[in-house]
Amino acid sequence: MVLALEAELQNILYNLKYSKLDSAIKDIKVMTAKYQQLASDGNQNIAPTISKFIDEMEYLYMEAIKIKYEYYVKKEAEGVE
């Protein structure tokens, strides 16, 4: 699951462009909701732990998106392609 989350984050980061912050944040929320559903459908003994992990990862992924977006904003301001 961790590898799948990471792969999806890398895909979102790869597709992030200057004007697509809201779309990337929405994609993160959709992605984590999908994995929350998988966790709740799976082993109920570990579901709370996995759910907590996914919540924490969502926050970190949002921060990664914001950092990458700030990079694009600064890059655009400098006029660098």
PDB file of N, CA and C in Angstrom:
ATOM      1  N   MET A   1       0.825  -1.190   0.000  1.00  0.00           N
ATOM      2  CA  MET A   1       0.000   0.000   0.000  1.00  0.00           C
ATOM      3  C   MET A   1       0.869   1.253   0.000  1.00  0.00           C
ATOM      4  N   VAL A   2       1.940   1.227   0.767  1.00  0.00           N
ATOM      5  CA  VAL A   2       2.830   2.382   0.845  1.00  0.00           C
ATOM      6  C   VAL A   2       3.443   2.672  -0.524  1.00  0.00           C
ATOM      7  N   LEU A   3       3.863   1.627  -1.211  1.00  0.00           N
ATOM      8  CA  LEU A   3       4.445   1.814  -2.542  1.00  0.00           C
ATOM      9  C   LEU A   3       3.424   2.378  -3.526  1.00  0.00           C
ATOM     10  N   ALA A   4       2.200   1.930  -3.427  1.00  0.00           N
ATOM     11  CA  ALA A   4       1.149   2.438  -4.313  1.00  0.00           C
ATOM     12  C   ALA A   4       0.856   3.906  -4.015  1.00  0.00           C
ATOM     13  N   LEU A   5       0.785   4.258  -2.738  1.00  0.00           N
ATOM     14  CA  LEU A   5       0.581   5.662  -2.367  1.00  0.00           C
ATOM     15  C   LEU A   5       1.707   6.529  -2.902  1.00  0.00           C
ATOM     16  N   GLU A   6       2.934   6.068  -2.730  1.00  0.00           N
ATOM     17  CA  GLU A   6       4.094   6.828  -3.194  1.00  0.00           C
ATOM     18  C   GLU A   6       4.081   6.984  -4.714  1.00  0.00           C
ATOM     19  N   ALA A   7       3.731   5.932  -5.418  1.00  0.00           N
ATOM     20  CA  ALA A   7       3.674   5.993  -6.882  1.00  0.00           C
ATOM     21  C   ALA A   7       2.613   6.997  -7.343  1.00  0.00           C
ATOM     22  N   GLU A   8       1.474   6.990  -6.688  1.00  0.00           N
ATOM     23  CA  GLU A   8       0.424   7.927  -7.067  1.00  0.00           C
ATOM     24  C   GLU A   8       0.833   9.362  -6.746  1.00  0.00           C
ATOM     25  N   LEU A   9       1.509   9.570  -5.616  1.00  0.00           N
ATOM     26  CA  LEU A   9       1.998  10.911  -5.292  1.00  0.00           C
ATOM     27  C   LEU A   9       2.992  11.376  -6.349  1.00  0.00           C
ATOM     28  N   GLN A  10       3.911  10.524  -6.745  1.00  0.00           N
ATOM     29  CA  GLN A  10       4.889  10.901  -7.758  1.00  0.00           C
ATOM     30  C   GLN A  10       4.190  11.277  -9.069  1.00  0.00           C
ATOM     31  N   ASN A  11       3.139  10.576  -9.398  1.00  0.00           N
ATOM     32  CA  ASN A  11       2.383  10.893 -10.598  1.00  0.00           C
ATOM     33  C   ASN A  11       1.722  12.268 -10.481  1.00  0.00           C
ATOM     34  N   ILE A  12       1.156  12.558  -9.325  1.00  0.00           N
ATOM     35  CA  ILE A  12       0.526  13.864  -9.112  1.00  0.00           C
ATOM     36  C   ILE A  12       1.578  14.971  -9.165  1.00  0.00           C
ATOM     37  N   LEU A  13       2.721  14.747  -8.525  1.00  0.00           N
ATOM     38  CA  LEU A  13       3.802  15.740  -8.557  1.00  0.00           C
ATOM     39  C   LEU A  13       4.315  15.950  -9.983  1.00  0.00           C
ATOM     40  N   TYR A  14       4.428  14.886 -10.733  1.00  0.00           N
ATOM     41  CA  TYR A  14       4.910  14.976 -12.106  1.00  0.00           C
ATOM     42  C   TYR A  14       3.968  15.820 -12.960  1.00  0.00           C
ATOM     43  N   ASN A  15       2.679  15.696 -12.727  1.00  0.00           N
ATOM     44  CA  ASN A  15       1.684  16.418 -13.516  1.00  0.00           C
ATOM     45  C   ASN A  15       1.363  17.808 -12.971  1.00  0.00           C
ATOM     46  N   LEU A  16       1.952  18.173 -11.830  1.00  0.00           N
ATOM     47  CA  LEU A  16       1.686  19.487 -11.234  1.00  0.00           C
ATOM     48  C   LEU A  16       2.300  20.569 -12.096  1.00  0.00           C
ATOM     49  N   LYS A  17       1.512  21.550 -12.415  1.00  0.00           N
ATOM     50  CA  LYS A  17       1.975  22.704 -13.183  1.00  0.00           C
ATOM     51  C   LYS A  17       1.583  23.970 -12.443  1.00  0.00           C
ATOM     52  N   TYR A  18       2.048  25.075 -12.947  1.00  0.00           N
ATOM     53  CA  TYR A  18       1.879  26.364 -12.288  1.00  0.00           C
ATOM     54  C   TYR A  18       0.436  26.661 -11.894  1.00  0.00           C
ATOM     55  N   SER A  19      -0.509  26.374 -12.734  1.00  0.00           N
ATOM     56  CA  SER A  19      -1.898  26.764 -12.472  1.00  0.00           C
ATOM     57  C   SER A  19      -2.781  25.632 -11.954  1.00  0.00           C
ATOM     58  N   LYS A  20      -2.189  24.545 -11.478  1.00  0.00           N
ATOM     59  CA  LYS A  20      -3.003  23.370 -11.134  1.00  0.00           C
ATOM     60  C   LYS A  20      -2.903  22.961  -9.668  1.00  0.00           C
ATOM     61  N   LEU A  21      -2.717  23.895  -8.762  1.00  0.00           N
ATOM     62  CA  LEU A  21      -2.605  23.545  -7.343  1.00  0.00           C
ATOM     63  C   LEU A  21      -3.903  22.937  -6.822  1.00  0.00           C
ATOM     64  N   ASP A  22      -5.024  23.571  -7.105  1.00  0.00           N
ATOM     65  CA  ASP A  22      -6.309  23.064  -6.615  1.00  0.00           C
ATOM     66  C   ASP A  22      -6.593  21.656  -7.132  1.00  0.00           C
ATOM     67  N   SER A  23      -6.265  21.421  -8.382  1.00  0.00           N
ATOM     68  CA  SER A  23      -6.469  20.102  -8.974  1.00  0.00           C
ATOM     69  C   SER A  23      -5.594  19.060  -8.284  1.00  0.00           C
ATOM     70  N   ALA A  24      -4.348  19.406  -7.986  1.00  0.00           N
ATOM     71  CA  ALA A  24      -3.433  18.467  -7.324  1.00  0.00           C
ATOM     72  C   ALA A  24      -3.908  18.151  -5.910  1.00  0.00           C
ATOM     73  N   ILE A  25      -4.387  19.158  -5.194  1.00  0.00           N
ATOM     74  CA  ILE A  25      -4.901  18.935  -3.842  1.00  0.00           C
ATOM     75  C   ILE A  25      -6.134  18.030  -3.892  1.00  0.00           C
ATOM     76  N   LYS A  26      -6.994  18.276  -4.861  1.00  0.00           N
ATOM     77  CA  LYS A  26      -8.175  17.417  -5.031  1.00  0.00           C
ATOM     78  C   LYS A  26      -7.748  15.982  -5.334  1.00  0.00           C
ATOM     79  N   ASP A  27      -6.733  15.823  -6.181  1.00  0.00           N
ATOM     80  CA  ASP A  27      -6.240  14.489  -6.522  1.00  0.00           C
ATOM     81  C   ASP A  27      -5.705  13.764  -5.286  1.00  0.00           C
ATOM     82  N   ILE A  28      -5.017  14.489  -4.411  1.00  0.00           N
ATOM     83  CA  ILE A  28      -4.500  13.895  -3.172  1.00  0.00           C
ATOM     84  C   ILE A  28      -5.663  13.417  -2.304  1.00  0.00           C
ATOM     85  N   LYS A  29      -6.685  14.244  -2.173  1.00  0.00           N
ATOM     86  CA  LYS A  29      -7.837  13.876  -1.346  1.00  0.00           C
ATOM     87  C   LYS A  29      -8.567  12.658  -1.909  1.00  0.00           C
ATOM     88  N   VAL A  30      -8.720  12.616  -3.221  1.00  0.00           N
ATOM     89  CA  VAL A  30      -9.375  11.477  -3.870  1.00  0.00           C
ATOM     90  C   VAL A  30      -8.540  10.210  -3.663  1.00  0.00           C
ATOM     91  N   MET A  31      -7.213  10.351  -3.829  1.00  0.00           N
ATOM     92  CA  MET A  31      -6.316   9.209  -3.667  1.00  0.00           C
ATOM     93  C   MET A  31      -6.380   8.658  -2.248  1.00  0.00           C
ATOM     94  N   THR A  32      -6.294   9.535  -1.248  1.00  0.00           N
ATOM     95  CA  THR A  32      -6.307   9.049   0.132  1.00  0.00           C
ATOM     96  C   THR A  32      -7.675   8.479   0.509  1.00  0.00           C
ATOM     97  N   ALA A  33      -8.747   9.056  -0.025  1.00  0.00           N
ATOM     98  CA  ALA A  33     -10.079   8.506   0.237  1.00  0.00           C
ATOM     99  C   ALA A  33     -10.194   7.085  -0.318  1.00  0.00           C
ATOM    100  N   LYS A  34      -9.604   6.866  -1.471  1.00  0.00           N
ATOM    101  CA  LYS A  34      -9.617   5.529  -2.077  1.00  0.00           C
ATOM    102  C   LYS A  34      -8.894   4.522  -1.174  1.00  0.00           C
ATOM    103  N   TYR A  35      -7.753   4.929  -0.645  1.00  0.00           N
ATOM    104  CA  TYR A  35      -6.994   4.018   0.219  1.00  0.00           C
ATOM    105  C   TYR A  35      -7.654   3.865   1.594  1.00  0.00           C
ATOM    106  N   GLN A  36      -8.348   4.903   2.054  1.00  0.00           N
ATOM    107  CA  GLN A  36      -9.126   4.772   3.296  1.00  0.00           C
ATOM    108  C   GLN A  36     -10.208   3.714   3.124  1.00  0.00           C
ATOM    109  N   GLN A  37     -10.852   3.732   1.970  1.00  0.00           N
ATOM    110  CA  GLN A  37     -11.905   2.751   1.694  1.00  0.00           C
ATOM    111  C   GLN A  37     -11.314   1.338   1.644  1.00  0.00           C
ATOM    112  N   LEU A  38     -10.161   1.200   0.998  1.00  0.00           N
ATOM    113  CA  LEU A  38      -9.499  -0.108   0.952  1.00  0.00           C
ATOM    114  C   LEU A  38      -9.153  -0.592   2.354  1.00  0.00           C
ATOM    115  N   ALA A  39      -8.675   0.325   3.194  1.00  0.00           N
ATOM    116  CA  ALA A  39      -8.313  -0.042   4.566  1.00  0.00           C
ATOM    117  C   ALA A  39      -9.541  -0.487   5.353  1.00  0.00           C
ATOM    118  N   SER A  40     -10.644   0.223   5.177  1.00  0.00           N
ATOM    119  CA  SER A  40     -11.848  -0.140   5.933  1.00  0.00           C
ATOM    120  C   SER A  40     -12.456  -1.450   5.438  1.00  0.00           C
ATOM    121  N   ASP A  41     -12.212  -1.794   4.176  1.00  0.00           N
ATOM    122  CA  ASP A  41     -12.721  -3.054   3.634  1.00  0.00           C
ATOM    123  C   ASP A  41     -11.830  -4.239   4.007  1.00  0.00           C
ATOM    124  N   GLY A  42     -10.608  -3.965   4.433  1.00  0.00           N
ATOM    125  CA  GLY A  42      -9.642  -5.021   4.701  1.00  0.00           C
ATOM    126  C   GLY A  42      -9.712  -5.531   6.125  1.00  0.00           C
ATOM    127  N   ASN A  43      -8.590  -5.975   6.622  1.00  0.00           N
ATOM    128  CA  ASN A  43      -8.460  -6.546   7.960  1.00  0.00           C
ATOM    129  C   ASN A  43      -8.860  -5.514   9.019  1.00  0.00           C
ATOM    130  N   GLN A  44      -9.922  -5.790   9.734  1.00  0.00           N
ATOM    131  CA  GLN A  44     -10.444  -4.834  10.713  1.00  0.00           C
ATOM    132  C   GLN A  44      -9.545  -4.677  11.935  1.00  0.00           C
ATOM    133  N   ASN A  45      -8.653  -5.619  12.161  1.00  0.00           N
ATOM    134  CA  ASN A  45      -7.733  -5.502  13.289  1.00  0.00           C
ATOM    135  C   ASN A  45      -6.699  -4.402  13.076  1.00  0.00           C
ATOM    136  N   ILE A  46      -6.291  -4.204  11.826  1.00  0.00           N
ATOM    137  CA  ILE A  46      -5.275  -3.187  11.550  1.00  0.00           C
ATOM    138  C   ILE A  46      -5.842  -1.955  10.852  1.00  0.00           C
ATOM    139  N   ALA A  47      -7.127  -1.953  10.539  1.00  0.00           N
ATOM    140  CA  ALA A  47      -7.752  -0.834   9.821  1.00  0.00           C
ATOM    141  C   ALA A  47      -7.554   0.512  10.528  1.00  0.00           C
ATOM    142  N   PRO A  48      -7.714   0.604  11.864  1.00  0.00           N
ATOM    143  CA  PRO A  48      -7.499   1.914  12.507  1.00  0.00           C
ATOM    144  C   PRO A  48      -6.064   2.426  12.356  1.00  0.00           C
ATOM    145  N   THR A  49      -5.110   1.531  12.435  1.00  0.00           N
ATOM    146  CA  THR A  49      -3.708   1.931  12.286  1.00  0.00           C
ATOM    147  C   THR A  49      -3.437   2.387  10.860  1.00  0.00           C
ATOM    148  N   ILE A  50      -3.933   1.659   9.905  1.00  0.00           N
ATOM    149  CA  ILE A  50      -3.742   2.040   8.501  1.00  0.00           C
ATOM    150  C   ILE A  50      -4.454   3.352   8.210  1.00  0.00           C
ATOM    151  N   SER A  51      -5.642   3.520   8.748  1.00  0.00           N
ATOM    152  CA  SER A  51      -6.388   4.757   8.548  1.00  0.00           C
ATOM    153  C   SER A  51      -5.624   5.955   9.107  1.00  0.00           C
ATOM    154  N   LYS A  52      -5.062   5.799  10.290  1.00  0.00           N
ATOM    155  CA  LYS A  52      -4.264   6.877  10.886  1.00  0.00           C
ATOM    156  C   LYS A  52      -3.040   7.178  10.019  1.00  0.00           C
ATOM    157  N   PHE A  53      -2.388   6.137   9.529  1.00  0.00           N
ATOM    158  CA  PHE A  53      -1.226   6.296   8.662  1.00  0.00           C
ATOM    159  C   PHE A  53      -1.587   7.069   7.397  1.00  0.00           C
ATOM    160  N   ILE A  54      -2.705   6.707   6.786  1.00  0.00           N
ATOM    161  CA  ILE A  54      -3.133   7.377   5.556  1.00  0.00           C
ATOM    162  C   ILE A  54      -3.448   8.841   5.833  1.00  0.00           C
ATOM    163  N   ASP A  55      -4.079   9.143   6.967  1.00  0.00           N
ATOM    164  CA  ASP A  55      -4.355  10.536   7.332  1.00  0.00           C
ATOM    165  C   ASP A  55      -3.064  11.334   7.469  1.00  0.00           C
ATOM    166  N   GLU A  56      -2.079  10.741   8.109  1.00  0.00           N
ATOM    167  CA  GLU A  56      -0.792  11.426   8.275  1.00  0.00           C
ATOM    168  C   GLU A  56      -0.089  11.606   6.937  1.00  0.00           C
ATOM    169  N   MET A  57      -0.189  10.615   6.090  1.00  0.00           N
ATOM    170  CA  MET A  57       0.430  10.717   4.771  1.00  0.00           C
ATOM    171  C   MET A  57      -0.264  11.772   3.923  1.00  0.00           C
ATOM    172  N   GLU A  58      -1.571  11.897   4.067  1.00  0.00           N
ATOM    173  CA  GLU A  58      -2.296  12.916   3.310  1.00  0.00           C
ATOM    174  C   GLU A  58      -1.743  14.300   3.636  1.00  0.00           C
ATOM    175  N   TYR A  59      -1.529  14.568   4.918  1.00  0.00           N
ATOM    176  CA  TYR A  59      -0.961  15.859   5.322  1.00  0.00           C
ATOM    177  C   TYR A  59       0.416  16.063   4.692  1.00  0.00           C
ATOM    178  N   LEU A  60       1.261  15.041   4.753  1.00  0.00           N
ATOM    179  CA  LEU A  60       2.608  15.158   4.193  1.00  0.00           C
ATOM    180  C   LEU A  60       2.567  15.329   2.672  1.00  0.00           C
ATOM    181  N   TYR A  61       1.661  14.629   2.017  1.00  0.00           N
ATOM    182  CA  TYR A  61       1.531  14.766   0.571  1.00  0.00           C
ATOM    183  C   TYR A  61       1.053  16.170   0.202  1.00  0.00           C
ATOM    184  N   MET A  62       0.149  16.719   0.991  1.00  0.00           N
ATOM    185  CA  MET A  62      -0.306  18.091   0.744  1.00  0.00           C
ATOM    186  C   MET A  62       0.865  19.067   0.867  1.00  0.00           C
ATOM    187  N   GLU A  63       1.701  18.853   1.871  1.00  0.00           N
ATOM    188  CA  GLU A  63       2.875  19.716   2.046  1.00  0.00           C
ATOM    189  C   GLU A  63       3.828  19.575   0.861  1.00  0.00           C
ATOM    190  N   ALA A  64       4.016  18.355   0.373  1.00  0.00           N
ATOM    191  CA  ALA A  64       4.888  18.136  -0.787  1.00  0.00           C
ATOM    192  C   ALA A  64       4.349  18.862  -2.018  1.00  0.00           C
ATOM    193  N   ILE A  65       3.044  18.805  -2.204  1.00  0.00           N
ATOM    194  CA  ILE A  65       2.413  19.499  -3.327  1.00  0.00           C
ATOM    195  C   ILE A  65       2.619  21.007  -3.197  1.00  0.00           C
ATOM    196  N   LYS A  66       2.432  21.549  -2.003  1.00  0.00           N
ATOM    197  CA  LYS A  66       2.596  22.991  -1.796  1.00  0.00           C
ATOM    198  C   LYS A  66       4.033  23.434  -2.034  1.00  0.00           C
ATOM    199  N   ILE A  67       4.994  22.636  -1.597  1.00  0.00           N
ATOM    200  CA  ILE A  67       6.405  22.961  -1.816  1.00  0.00           C
ATOM    201  C   ILE A  67       6.719  22.972  -3.309  1.00  0.00           C
ATOM    202  N   LYS A  68       6.257  21.946  -4.004  1.00  0.00           N
ATOM    203  CA  LYS A  68       6.491  21.871  -5.450  1.00  0.00           C
ATOM    204  C   LYS A  68       5.808  23.026  -6.163  1.00  0.00           C
ATOM    205  N   TYR A  69       4.613  23.396  -5.716  1.00  0.00           N
ATOM    206  CA  TYR A  69       3.889  24.510  -6.320  1.00  0.00           C
ATOM    207  C   TYR A  69       4.641  25.823  -6.102  1.00  0.00           C
ATOM    208  N   GLU A  70       5.156  26.032  -4.893  1.00  0.00           N
ATOM    209  CA  GLU A  70       5.946  27.235  -4.624  1.00  0.00           C
ATOM    210  C   GLU A  70       7.148  27.311  -5.562  1.00  0.00           C
ATOM    211  N   TYR A  71       7.744  26.180  -5.852  1.00  0.00           N
ATOM    212  CA  TYR A  71       8.842  26.126  -6.807  1.00  0.00           C
ATOM    213  C   TYR A  71       8.374  26.636  -8.165  1.00  0.00           C
ATOM    214  N   TYR A  72       7.225  26.171  -8.637  1.00  0.00           N
ATOM    215  CA  TYR A  72       6.706  26.622  -9.928  1.00  0.00           C
ATOM    216  C   TYR A  72       6.396  28.109  -9.921  1.00  0.00           C
ATOM    217  N   VAL A  73       5.856  28.620  -8.821  1.00  0.00           N
ATOM    218  CA  VAL A  73       5.542  30.045  -8.728  1.00  0.00           C
ATOM    219  C   VAL A  73       6.821  30.870  -8.842  1.00  0.00           C
ATOM    220  N   LYS A  74       7.846  30.468  -8.103  1.00  0.00           N
ATOM    221  CA  LYS A  74       9.123  31.191  -8.155  1.00  0.00           C
ATOM    222  C   LYS A  74       9.773  31.070  -9.523  1.00  0.00           C
ATOM    223  N   LYS A  75       9.679  29.914 -10.110  1.00  0.00           N
ATOM    224  CA  LYS A  75      10.233  29.691 -11.438  1.00  0.00           C
ATOM    225  C   LYS A  75       9.528  30.592 -12.456  1.00  0.00           C
ATOM    226  N   GLU A  76       8.216  30.697 -12.343  1.00  0.00           N
ATOM    227  CA  GLU A  76       7.429  31.548 -13.241  1.00  0.00           C
ATOM    228  C   GLU A  76       7.785  33.016 -13.030  1.00  0.00           C
ATOM    229  N   ALA A  77       7.957  33.420 -11.782  1.00  0.00           N
ATOM    230  CA  ALA A  77       8.300  34.814 -11.475  1.00  0.00           C
ATOM    231  C   ALA A  77       9.662  35.195 -12.038  1.00  0.00           C
ATOM    232  N   GLU A  78      10.571  34.251 -12.078  1.00  0.00           N
ATOM    233  CA  GLU A  78      11.899  34.506 -12.618  1.00  0.00           C
ATOM    234  C   GLU A  78      11.925  34.421 -14.142  1.00  0.00           C
ATOM    235  N   GLY A  79      10.857  33.877 -14.715  1.00  0.00           N
ATOM    236  CA  GLY A  79      10.787  33.750 -16.154  1.00  0.00           C
ATOM    237  C   GLY A  79      11.633  32.633 -16.704  1.00  0.00           C
ATOM    238  N   VAL A  80      11.935  31.646 -15.863  1.00  0.00           N
ATOM    239  CA  VAL A  80      12.757  30.508 -16.274  1.00  0.00           C
ATOM    240  C   VAL A  80      11.841  29.384 -16.737  1.00  0.00           C
ATOM    241  N   GLU A  81      12.160  28.787 -17.816  1.00  0.00           N
ATOM    242  CA  GLU A  81      11.370  27.655 -18.314  1.00  0.00           C
ATOM    243  C   GLU A  81      11.949  26.366 -17.831  1.00  0.00           C
TER     244      GLU A  81
END
